[in-house]
């Protein structure tokens, strides 16, 4: 903190106990709600964003703002933004070419940096950005044109064709090292809140087709385990507050827990020993794709979630298939299935609660009325859960002042050191509510007229200060 900021912070701390418009209060607010409320934003195939290839930079940016506005209004507090669909980049990279899903041509710049823009716009709305990487998929369709800087051209010996797709061979140290360096490059250059991997370590089986690399399932798991462990250590060495999350197939192995069935064995066929990663603490959250209904069936949401949350001490935040509401994949699935699964997740809470919607588009278009129903599920903004295994040192309380502003209350603050967000609670009509969670750099906001406020500082690890509580006159 520089001297001027320290002086202003000290002055505001003094003012907060003597201004005529308010005074310290013994009326304490309830604890802040803690829940990770995420939504995946997929770029591949233009699933979520941008809506089509070749849009102008201004049109892409307008779509991004509209999506983040909607998610913020729904009280979503994190987006999982796909930045590497197939060894390409949805950001300015010197290592891999621009993604074709932006402009229609791999290697062609969209004229701005989408990841930087997403971070700027999301943080301004109090939303975290987790950069989502497909670790080893090289091409989703072999018939597509590729840029000269793509891995299929610069290191073809590390890739293998698999039916209609091309894969970077995880057995190659070059493959694993390249992916690790790509991720660390983003962590170093961008103000991301997390990095996120999906389940594409090895390709899903296709009929009788199998990935022909001559390696045993155990050897493959060893390669992937080493990569996951190295990734976690490397990210923490660079920026320890950046969360590492992985979203594996929702069933660890068929028959686990008892009665569960699956069409594939993720452990054997995808080299995904996700239970080991959770048990060993090689991630900050696991997001198994629990896309099935919660009913007496062979892939029950609640049965699987209960099992997953017993497998380690780190959070398990399930992926829930909001996109399957009234879909061809699950005809007749009502929006109430999704809100029910959120309720189940809250009742089965262990090591902090949360979930992630697949995907943002279904929330944007209010599929089956889900956005309307979520208004009764997300009644107040929630704060991202903390990471006590990394840090439990609370930041100092902010300096706060407030004054009437017509029918509203204007609040100003000077954040102390290590503060990234500010949570604002207010007592309105005799009831305390969390009103908003905003970037600390915003330094001012307006809320409906309140008789008391509580302002809490949050650091990048999710640690919370003692709230500064003020009774307003």
Protein backbone atom coordinates (compact mmCIF):
# COMPACT_ATOMS: atom_id res chain seq x y z
CA UNK A 1 0.00 0.00 0.00
CA UNK A 2 1.50 3.39 -0.95
CA UNK A 3 1.65 6.28 1.54
CA UNK A 4 -1.29 8.20 0.06
CA UNK A 5 -3.58 5.15 0.14
CA UNK A 6 -2.47 4.34 3.69
CA UNK A 7 -3.21 7.93 4.77
CA UNK A 8 -6.69 7.86 3.19
CA UNK A 9 -7.39 4.43 4.68
CA UNK A 10 -6.42 5.66 8.15
CA UNK A 11 -8.51 8.81 7.79
CA UNK A 12 -11.58 6.88 6.67
CA UNK A 13 -11.26 4.49 9.59
CA UNK A 14 -11.36 7.51 11.89
CA UNK A 15 -14.26 9.13 10.04
CA UNK A 16 -16.33 5.94 10.25
CA UNK A 17 -16.78 6.38 13.99
CA UNK A 18 -17.52 10.10 14.05
CA UNK A 19 -19.54 11.14 10.99
CA UNK A 20 -22.99 12.53 11.68
CA UNK A 21 -24.72 10.31 9.10
CA UNK A 22 -23.92 7.05 10.87
CA UNK A 23 -22.32 5.45 13.90
CA UNK A 24 -20.87 2.05 14.87
CA UNK A 25 -23.57 -0.55 15.46
CA UNK A 26 -23.91 -3.47 17.85
CA UNK A 27 -26.53 -4.99 15.54
CA UNK A 28 -24.52 -7.70 13.79
CA UNK A 29 -25.45 -9.11 10.38
CA UNK A 30 -25.63 -12.85 9.73
CA UNK A 31 -22.65 -14.65 8.24
CA UNK A 32 -22.20 -14.17 4.52
CA UNK A 33 -23.65 -16.94 2.35
CA UNK A 34 -20.87 -19.02 0.78
CA UNK A 35 -21.50 -20.89 -2.47
CA UNK A 36 -19.68 -21.34 -5.76
CA UNK A 37 -22.24 -20.63 -8.48
CA UNK A 38 -20.55 -21.23 -11.80
CA UNK A 39 -21.47 -21.46 -15.47
CA UNK A 40 -19.39 -22.88 -18.29
CA UNK A 41 -18.95 -20.66 -21.36
CA UNK A 42 -17.95 -22.90 -24.28
CA UNK A 43 -16.41 -21.43 -27.41
CA UNK A 44 -16.01 -24.64 -29.44
CA UNK A 45 -18.73 -25.04 -32.07
CA UNK A 46 -19.91 -21.58 -30.88
CA UNK A 47 -21.93 -23.38 -28.23
CA UNK A 48 -22.18 -20.41 -25.85
CA UNK A 49 -20.00 -17.59 -27.14
CA UNK A 50 -19.54 -16.07 -29.64
CA UNK A 51 -22.85 -17.02 -31.24
CA UNK A 52 -21.16 -17.54 -34.61
CA UNK A 53 -17.77 -17.19 -36.21
CA UNK A 54 -16.73 -14.02 -37.98
CA UNK A 55 -18.62 -11.51 -35.84
CA UNK A 56 -16.92 -8.13 -35.49
CA UNK A 57 -14.98 -7.36 -32.35
CA UNK A 58 -17.70 -4.97 -31.18
CA UNK A 59 -20.42 -7.58 -31.77
CA UNK A 60 -18.48 -10.24 -29.86
CA UNK A 61 -17.91 -7.83 -27.00
CA UNK A 62 -21.59 -6.87 -26.92
CA UNK A 63 -22.54 -10.54 -26.67
CA UNK A 64 -20.05 -11.02 -23.84
CA UNK A 65 -21.41 -8.06 -21.91
CA UNK A 66 -25.00 -9.25 -22.37
CA UNK A 67 -24.10 -12.72 -21.13
CA UNK A 68 -22.27 -11.41 -18.07
CA UNK A 69 -25.10 -8.97 -17.33
CA UNK A 70 -27.57 -11.85 -17.33
CA UNK A 71 -25.34 -14.08 -15.18
CA UNK A 72 -24.74 -11.25 -12.71
CA UNK A 73 -28.48 -10.59 -12.50
CA UNK A 74 -28.99 -14.30 -11.71
CA UNK A 75 -26.35 -14.01 -8.94
CA UNK A 76 -23.88 -16.36 -10.66
CA UNK A 77 -20.44 -15.58 -9.22
CA UNK A 78 -18.03 -17.44 -11.52
CA UNK A 79 -17.65 -18.30 -15.19
CA UNK A 80 -15.59 -21.16 -16.58
CA UNK A 81 -14.45 -19.57 -19.83
CA UNK A 82 -13.06 -21.85 -22.54
CA UNK A 83 -9.74 -20.41 -23.73
CA UNK A 84 -8.16 -23.47 -25.40
CA UNK A 85 -10.66 -25.64 -27.28
CA UNK A 86 -8.19 -27.55 -29.47
CA UNK A 87 -4.57 -26.43 -29.04
CA UNK A 88 -5.62 -22.94 -30.09
CA UNK A 89 -6.17 -19.73 -28.16
CA UNK A 90 -9.10 -17.48 -27.30
CA UNK A 91 -6.52 -14.94 -26.14
CA UNK A 92 -3.30 -13.36 -27.43
CA UNK A 93 -0.73 -16.17 -27.44
CA UNK A 94 2.77 -16.50 -28.83
CA UNK A 95 2.56 -20.28 -28.37
CA UNK A 96 -0.65 -21.28 -30.16
CA UNK A 97 -2.79 -19.80 -32.96
CA UNK A 98 -5.98 -17.79 -32.56
CA UNK A 99 -9.01 -20.07 -32.38
CA UNK A 100 -11.06 -20.44 -35.55
CA UNK A 101 -14.23 -20.26 -33.45
CA UNK A 102 -13.65 -16.51 -33.20
CA UNK A 103 -13.11 -15.50 -36.83
CA UNK A 104 -13.76 -18.63 -38.88
CA UNK A 105 -10.07 -18.97 -39.70
CA UNK A 106 -7.49 -20.44 -37.33
CA UNK A 107 -4.68 -17.97 -36.71
CA UNK A 108 -6.69 -14.85 -37.61
CA UNK A 109 -6.87 -12.24 -34.86
CA UNK A 110 -10.33 -11.07 -33.79
CA UNK A 111 -8.89 -7.58 -33.29
CA UNK A 112 -8.89 -7.65 -29.49
CA UNK A 113 -8.11 -10.05 -26.64
CA UNK A 114 -11.28 -11.95 -25.61
CA UNK A 115 -9.85 -13.36 -22.38
CA UNK A 116 -8.62 -9.96 -21.22
CA UNK A 117 -12.01 -8.46 -22.10
CA UNK A 118 -13.89 -11.24 -20.29
CA UNK A 119 -11.78 -10.73 -17.16
CA UNK A 120 -12.28 -6.97 -17.21
CA UNK A 121 -16.03 -7.20 -17.68
CA UNK A 122 -16.59 -10.11 -15.29
CA UNK A 123 -14.54 -8.60 -12.47
CA UNK A 124 -16.43 -5.34 -12.85
CA UNK A 125 -19.57 -7.37 -12.09
CA UNK A 126 -18.04 -9.25 -9.14
CA UNK A 127 -17.73 -12.48 -11.16
CA UNK A 128 -14.65 -14.70 -11.09
CA UNK A 129 -13.08 -16.01 -14.32
CA UNK A 130 -11.64 -19.52 -14.45
CA UNK A 131 -9.74 -20.15 -17.68
CA UNK A 132 -10.83 -23.50 -19.12
CA UNK A 133 -8.29 -25.57 -21.07
CA UNK A 134 -8.80 -28.73 -23.10
CA UNK A 135 -5.50 -30.38 -22.17
CA UNK A 136 -4.77 -32.78 -25.04
CA UNK A 137 -7.36 -32.44 -27.84
CA UNK A 138 -5.57 -31.20 -30.96
CA UNK A 139 -8.42 -31.06 -33.48
CA UNK A 140 -12.14 -31.68 -33.09
CA UNK A 141 -12.42 -32.44 -36.82
CA UNK A 142 -9.55 -33.47 -39.05
CA UNK A 143 -11.10 -31.89 -42.13
CA UNK A 144 -10.68 -28.35 -40.85
CA UNK A 145 -7.91 -26.01 -42.00
CA UNK A 146 -5.14 -25.39 -39.49
CA UNK A 147 -2.66 -22.58 -38.98
CA UNK A 148 1.07 -22.97 -39.50
CA UNK A 149 1.68 -22.50 -35.76
CA UNK A 150 -0.73 -25.28 -34.73
CA UNK A 151 0.72 -28.33 -33.00
CA UNK A 152 -0.30 -30.56 -35.91
CA UNK A 153 2.20 -28.62 -38.05
CA UNK A 154 4.95 -27.72 -35.58
CA UNK A 155 5.09 -31.05 -33.71
CA UNK A 156 3.13 -33.63 -35.74
CA UNK A 157 5.16 -36.46 -34.22
CA UNK A 158 3.42 -35.84 -30.89
CA UNK A 159 -0.10 -36.17 -32.34
CA UNK A 160 -2.23 -39.16 -33.29
CA UNK A 161 -5.33 -39.35 -35.43
CA UNK A 162 -8.30 -41.02 -33.76
CA UNK A 163 -11.20 -41.43 -36.13
CA UNK A 164 -12.30 -37.94 -37.17
CA UNK A 165 -10.25 -36.14 -34.49
CA UNK A 166 -6.57 -35.64 -33.70
CA UNK A 167 -5.10 -36.01 -30.22
CA UNK A 168 -1.87 -34.88 -28.61
CA UNK A 169 -0.33 -38.05 -27.21
CA UNK A 170 -0.24 -37.72 -23.40
CA UNK A 171 2.58 -40.29 -23.28
CA UNK A 172 4.84 -37.67 -24.89
CA UNK A 173 6.74 -35.49 -22.46
CA UNK A 174 6.63 -32.81 -25.14
CA UNK A 175 2.82 -32.92 -25.12
CA UNK A 176 2.55 -32.68 -21.35
CA UNK A 177 5.22 -29.98 -21.15
CA UNK A 178 3.60 -27.92 -23.90
CA UNK A 179 0.19 -27.99 -22.25
CA UNK A 180 1.67 -27.08 -18.88
CA UNK A 181 3.56 -24.12 -20.35
CA UNK A 182 0.45 -22.90 -22.19
CA UNK A 183 -1.53 -22.88 -18.95
CA UNK A 184 1.23 -21.23 -16.93
CA UNK A 185 1.61 -18.57 -19.62
CA UNK A 186 -2.04 -17.61 -19.06
CA UNK A 187 -1.68 -17.70 -15.27
CA UNK A 188 1.34 -15.42 -15.47
CA UNK A 189 -0.05 -12.86 -17.94
CA UNK A 190 -3.74 -12.69 -17.04
CA UNK A 191 -5.61 -11.90 -13.84
CA UNK A 192 -7.54 -15.17 -13.86
CA UNK A 193 -9.09 -16.49 -10.66
CA UNK A 194 -8.72 -20.13 -11.62
CA UNK A 195 -7.63 -22.65 -14.23
CA UNK A 196 -9.97 -25.45 -15.20
CA UNK A 197 -9.51 -28.73 -17.09
CA UNK A 198 -12.25 -30.85 -18.58
CA UNK A 199 -12.22 -34.64 -19.01
CA UNK A 200 -10.45 -34.86 -22.37
CA UNK A 201 -7.22 -36.47 -21.23
CA UNK A 202 -7.68 -39.40 -23.62
CA UNK A 203 -10.41 -39.50 -26.28
CA UNK A 204 -13.70 -41.18 -25.52
CA UNK A 205 -13.98 -44.63 -27.16
CA UNK A 206 -15.84 -44.62 -30.47
CA UNK A 207 -17.48 -47.96 -31.22
CA UNK A 208 -14.69 -50.50 -31.47
CA UNK A 209 -12.08 -47.76 -32.09
CA UNK A 210 -9.46 -47.43 -29.37
CA UNK A 211 -6.51 -45.06 -28.95
CA UNK A 212 -3.65 -47.09 -30.44
CA UNK A 213 -0.54 -46.04 -28.55
CA UNK A 214 0.64 -49.39 -27.20
CA UNK A 215 0.29 -48.20 -23.61
CA UNK A 216 -1.54 -49.98 -20.82
CA UNK A 217 -4.31 -48.23 -18.90
CA UNK A 218 -2.01 -48.07 -15.87
CA UNK A 219 0.73 -46.39 -17.90
CA UNK A 220 -1.74 -43.85 -19.25
CA UNK A 221 -3.01 -43.04 -15.76
CA UNK A 222 0.58 -42.52 -14.64
CA UNK A 223 1.14 -39.92 -17.38
CA UNK A 224 -2.07 -38.08 -16.53
CA UNK A 225 -1.50 -38.28 -12.76
CA UNK A 226 1.95 -36.77 -13.19
CA UNK A 227 0.56 -33.98 -15.34
CA UNK A 228 -2.22 -33.13 -12.87
CA UNK A 229 0.19 -33.13 -9.92
CA UNK A 230 2.72 -30.96 -11.77
CA UNK A 231 0.02 -28.54 -12.87
CA UNK A 232 -1.20 -27.97 -9.33
CA UNK A 233 2.29 -27.43 -7.94
CA UNK A 234 3.30 -25.14 -10.80
CA UNK A 235 0.20 -22.92 -10.59
CA UNK A 236 0.60 -22.56 -6.82
CA UNK A 237 4.27 -21.66 -7.22
CA UNK A 238 3.29 -18.87 -9.61
CA UNK A 239 0.07 -17.51 -8.07
CA UNK A 240 -1.10 -19.50 -5.04
CA UNK A 241 -4.56 -17.90 -4.99
CA UNK A 242 -5.44 -19.16 -8.49
CA UNK A 243 -7.80 -22.10 -8.02
CA UNK A 244 -7.19 -25.32 -9.93
CA UNK A 245 -10.35 -27.19 -10.87
CA UNK A 246 -10.99 -30.33 -12.92
CA UNK A 247 -14.29 -31.55 -14.36
CA UNK A 248 -14.07 -35.33 -14.94
CA UNK A 249 -16.71 -37.73 -16.19
CA UNK A 250 -19.28 -38.00 -13.41
CA UNK A 251 -18.72 -41.69 -12.62
CA UNK A 252 -15.28 -42.70 -11.39
CA UNK A 253 -15.81 -46.36 -12.30
CA UNK A 254 -18.88 -48.45 -13.17
CA UNK A 255 -20.22 -50.09 -10.01
CA UNK A 256 -18.85 -47.36 -7.74
CA UNK A 257 -20.80 -46.73 -5.63
CA UNK A 258 -22.78 -49.97 -5.68
CA UNK A 259 -25.55 -50.07 -8.27
CA UNK A 260 -24.13 -47.32 -10.47
CA UNK A 261 -23.73 -48.17 -14.15
CA UNK A 262 -21.88 -46.36 -16.94
CA UNK A 263 -21.30 -46.83 -20.62
CA UNK A 264 -17.58 -46.15 -20.25
CA UNK A 265 -14.96 -46.68 -17.58
CA UNK A 266 -13.34 -43.28 -17.14
CA UNK A 267 -10.61 -44.78 -14.95
CA UNK A 268 -9.61 -47.38 -17.54
CA UNK A 269 -10.50 -45.72 -20.85
CA UNK A 270 -9.87 -42.01 -20.22
CA UNK A 271 -6.99 -42.42 -17.72
CA UNK A 272 -9.02 -40.34 -15.30
CA UNK A 273 -8.20 -41.42 -11.75
CA UNK A 274 -10.10 -38.40 -10.49
CA UNK A 275 -10.66 -39.91 -7.06
CA UNK A 276 -6.87 -39.99 -6.56
CA UNK A 277 -6.57 -36.31 -7.52
CA UNK A 278 -9.22 -35.44 -4.97
CA UNK A 279 -7.74 -37.62 -2.22
CA UNK A 280 -4.23 -36.29 -2.83
CA UNK A 281 -5.26 -32.63 -2.88
CA UNK A 282 -3.98 -32.03 -6.42
CA UNK A 283 -6.79 -29.55 -7.04
CA UNK A 284 -8.81 -26.90 -5.24
CA UNK A 285 -12.17 -28.23 -6.43
CA UNK A 286 -13.49 -31.18 -8.38
CA UNK A 287 -16.53 -30.70 -10.65
CA UNK A 288 -17.69 -34.16 -11.76
CA UNK A 289 -20.18 -33.96 -14.59
CA UNK A 290 -23.28 -35.26 -12.81
CA UNK A 291 -25.64 -34.70 -15.71
CA UNK A 292 -28.23 -37.32 -14.75
CA UNK A 293 -31.52 -36.85 -12.95
CA UNK A 294 -31.91 -37.40 -9.24
CA UNK A 295 -34.23 -40.38 -9.30
CA UNK A 296 -34.05 -44.12 -8.51
CA UNK A 297 -31.87 -44.98 -11.47
CA UNK A 298 -28.44 -46.29 -12.28
CA UNK A 299 -26.88 -42.80 -12.43
CA UNK A 300 -28.60 -41.02 -9.54
CA UNK A 301 -27.38 -37.46 -8.97
CA UNK A 302 -27.70 -37.60 -5.18
CA UNK A 303 -26.12 -41.06 -4.88
CA UNK A 304 -23.13 -40.00 -6.94
CA UNK A 305 -22.71 -36.61 -5.27
CA UNK A 306 -22.86 -38.16 -1.81
CA UNK A 307 -20.15 -40.65 -2.81
CA UNK A 308 -17.91 -38.02 -4.39
CA UNK A 309 -18.07 -35.76 -1.36
CA UNK A 310 -16.75 -38.56 0.83
CA UNK A 311 -13.60 -39.12 -1.29
CA UNK A 312 -11.43 -36.24 -0.13
CA UNK A 313 -11.16 -33.03 1.82
CA UNK A 314 -11.38 -30.56 -1.08
CA UNK A 315 -14.72 -29.20 -2.38
CA UNK A 316 -16.79 -31.18 -4.87
CA UNK A 317 -18.92 -28.81 -6.93
CA UNK A 318 -20.98 -30.89 -9.36
CA UNK A 319 -21.58 -29.98 -12.94
CA UNK A 320 -25.34 -29.94 -13.48
CA UNK A 321 -26.94 -30.29 -16.92
CA UNK A 322 -29.13 -27.22 -17.17
CA UNK A 323 -28.85 -27.57 -20.96
CA UNK A 324 -30.77 -30.86 -20.80
CA UNK A 325 -34.01 -29.20 -19.72
CA UNK A 326 -36.63 -30.18 -22.33
CA UNK A 327 -33.84 -31.47 -24.57
CA UNK A 328 -33.45 -34.34 -27.02
CA UNK A 329 -30.97 -35.87 -24.56
CA UNK A 330 -33.54 -35.89 -21.77
CA UNK A 331 -37.05 -35.24 -23.11
CA UNK A 332 -39.38 -33.92 -20.48
CA UNK A 333 -36.74 -32.88 -17.98
CA UNK A 334 -38.26 -29.93 -16.11
CA UNK A 335 -36.40 -26.88 -14.84
CA UNK A 336 -37.38 -27.98 -11.34
CA UNK A 337 -34.92 -30.88 -11.70
CA UNK A 338 -32.06 -28.36 -11.70
CA UNK A 339 -33.26 -26.37 -8.69
CA UNK A 340 -33.88 -29.69 -6.90
CA UNK A 341 -30.27 -30.73 -7.57
CA UNK A 342 -29.02 -27.43 -6.16
CA UNK A 343 -31.09 -28.10 -3.04
CA UNK A 344 -29.66 -31.63 -2.82
CA UNK A 345 -26.15 -30.21 -3.13
CA UNK A 346 -26.83 -27.81 -0.27
CA UNK A 347 -28.13 -30.61 1.97
CA UNK A 348 -25.17 -32.87 1.20
CA UNK A 349 -22.71 -30.08 1.92
CA UNK A 350 -19.16 -30.99 2.85
CA UNK A 351 -16.10 -28.76 2.57
CA UNK A 352 -18.05 -25.78 1.19
CA UNK A 353 -20.91 -25.80 -1.26
CA UNK A 354 -21.18 -25.07 -4.96
CA UNK A 355 -22.15 -26.25 -8.43
CA UNK A 356 -21.59 -25.33 -12.10
CA UNK A 357 -24.24 -25.01 -14.81
CA UNK A 358 -23.72 -26.62 -18.19
CA UNK A 359 -23.97 -24.18 -19.74
CA UNK A 360 -24.37 -20.39 -19.89
CA UNK A 361 -26.57 -20.41 -22.97
CA UNK A 362 -29.34 -22.33 -21.19
CA UNK A 363 -29.40 -19.63 -18.51
CA UNK A 364 -29.33 -16.86 -21.09
CA UNK A 365 -32.38 -18.19 -22.92
CA UNK A 366 -34.23 -19.14 -19.73
CA UNK A 367 -34.52 -22.71 -20.94
CA UNK A 368 -37.72 -24.22 -19.59
CA UNK A 369 -38.04 -21.23 -17.24
CA UNK A 370 -34.85 -22.09 -15.33
CA UNK A 371 -33.67 -18.48 -14.94
CA UNK A 372 -37.05 -17.57 -13.47
CA UNK A 373 -36.90 -20.48 -11.02
CA UNK A 374 -33.36 -19.61 -9.95
CA UNK A 375 -34.62 -16.29 -8.58
CA UNK A 376 -36.15 -18.29 -5.72
CA UNK A 377 -33.03 -20.45 -5.34
CA UNK A 378 -30.39 -17.72 -5.42
CA UNK A 379 -32.20 -15.32 -3.10
CA UNK A 380 -29.06 -13.35 -2.22
CA UNK A 381 -25.59 -12.95 -3.69
CA UNK A 382 -23.11 -15.53 -2.39
CA UNK A 383 -19.41 -15.19 -1.68
CA UNK A 384 -16.95 -17.65 -3.23
CA UNK A 385 -15.89 -20.21 -0.59
CA UNK A 386 -12.44 -19.83 0.97
CA UNK A 387 -9.38 -22.07 0.58
CA UNK A 388 -8.22 -22.67 4.17
CA UNK A 389 -5.74 -25.31 3.01
CA UNK A 390 -3.81 -22.46 1.37
CA UNK A 391 -4.50 -19.42 3.56
CA UNK A 392 -6.65 -18.49 6.54
CA UNK A 393 -5.33 -15.00 7.22
CA UNK A 394 -8.17 -12.49 7.07
CA UNK A 395 -7.64 -9.13 5.36
CA UNK A 396 -8.22 -5.96 7.39
CA UNK A 397 -11.68 -4.44 7.48
CA UNK A 398 -12.14 -1.64 4.96
CA UNK A 399 -12.51 1.99 5.84
CA UNK A 400 -16.16 2.86 5.22
CA UNK A 401 -18.37 5.93 4.99
CA UNK A 402 -22.00 6.30 3.96
CA UNK A 403 -24.56 9.02 3.37
CA UNK A 404 -28.20 9.38 2.25
CA UNK A 405 -28.72 9.74 -1.49
CA UNK A 406 -32.41 10.41 -2.02
CA UNK A 407 -34.19 7.11 -1.51
CA UNK A 408 -30.85 5.32 -1.51
CA UNK A 409 -27.72 5.04 0.59
CA UNK A 410 -24.35 5.88 -0.96
CA UNK A 411 -21.45 3.81 0.37
CA UNK A 412 -17.76 4.52 -0.06
CA UNK A 413 -14.78 2.50 1.06
CA UNK A 414 -11.01 2.41 1.00
CA UNK A 415 -9.86 -1.21 0.81
CA UNK A 416 -6.97 -2.35 2.91
CA UNK A 417 -4.08 -4.43 1.56
CA UNK A 418 -4.76 -7.80 -0.15
CA UNK A 419 -8.42 -7.00 -0.72
CA UNK A 420 -10.01 -8.08 -3.99
CA UNK A 421 -13.77 -7.93 -3.35
CA UNK A 422 -16.17 -6.10 -1.08
CA UNK A 423 -19.37 -7.72 0.23
CA UNK A 424 -22.15 -5.37 1.24
CA UNK A 425 -24.96 -6.34 3.59
CA UNK A 426 -27.76 -3.99 4.56
CA UNK A 427 -30.61 -3.92 7.03
CA UNK A 428 -33.69 -2.88 5.11
CA UNK A 429 -37.19 -2.94 6.62
CA UNK A 430 -35.77 -4.64 9.69
CA UNK A 431 -34.10 -7.53 7.83
CA UNK A 432 -30.43 -8.06 7.01
CA UNK A 433 -29.67 -9.06 3.41
CA UNK A 434 -26.55 -9.39 1.30
CA UNK A 435 -27.03 -6.76 -1.39
CA UNK A 436 -23.99 -7.19 -3.61
CA UNK A 437 -20.42 -8.43 -3.92
CA UNK A 438 -18.25 -6.09 -6.00
CA UNK A 439 -14.64 -5.50 -6.94
CA UNK A 440 -12.81 -3.64 -4.19
CA UNK A 441 -11.40 -1.24 -6.79
CA UNK A 442 -14.92 0.08 -7.42
CA UNK A 443 -14.66 2.00 -4.09
CA UNK A 444 -18.26 3.25 -4.16
CA UNK A 445 -21.76 1.96 -4.72
CA UNK A 446 -25.39 2.86 -4.09
CA UNK A 447 -27.96 0.61 -2.44
CA UNK A 448 -31.61 1.06 -1.38
CA UNK A 449 -32.02 3.15 1.79
CA UNK A 450 -30.88 1.08 4.78
CA UNK A 451 -30.92 1.54 8.54
CA UNK A 452 -27.59 -0.28 8.90
CA UNK A 453 -24.85 -1.61 6.64
CA UNK A 454 -22.06 -4.13 7.00
CA UNK A 455 -19.08 -4.00 4.65
CA UNK A 456 -16.68 -6.95 4.51
CA UNK A 457 -13.35 -7.21 2.69
CA UNK A 458 -12.43 -10.43 0.87
CA UNK A 459 -9.00 -11.46 -0.38
CA UNK A 460 -8.09 -13.62 -3.40
CA UNK A 461 -8.22 -16.79 -1.27
CA UNK A 462 -11.79 -16.02 -0.17
CA UNK A 463 -10.83 -15.03 3.37
CA UNK A 464 -13.18 -12.46 4.91
CA UNK A 465 -12.43 -9.56 7.23
CA UNK A 466 -14.45 -8.67 10.26
CA UNK A 467 -17.39 -6.69 8.84
CA UNK A 468 -17.46 -2.95 9.40
CA UNK A 469 -21.00 -2.45 10.71
CA UNK A 470 -22.56 1.01 10.77
CA UNK A 471 -25.96 2.18 11.99
CA UNK A 472 -27.33 4.86 9.68
CA UNK A 473 -29.24 7.86 11.00
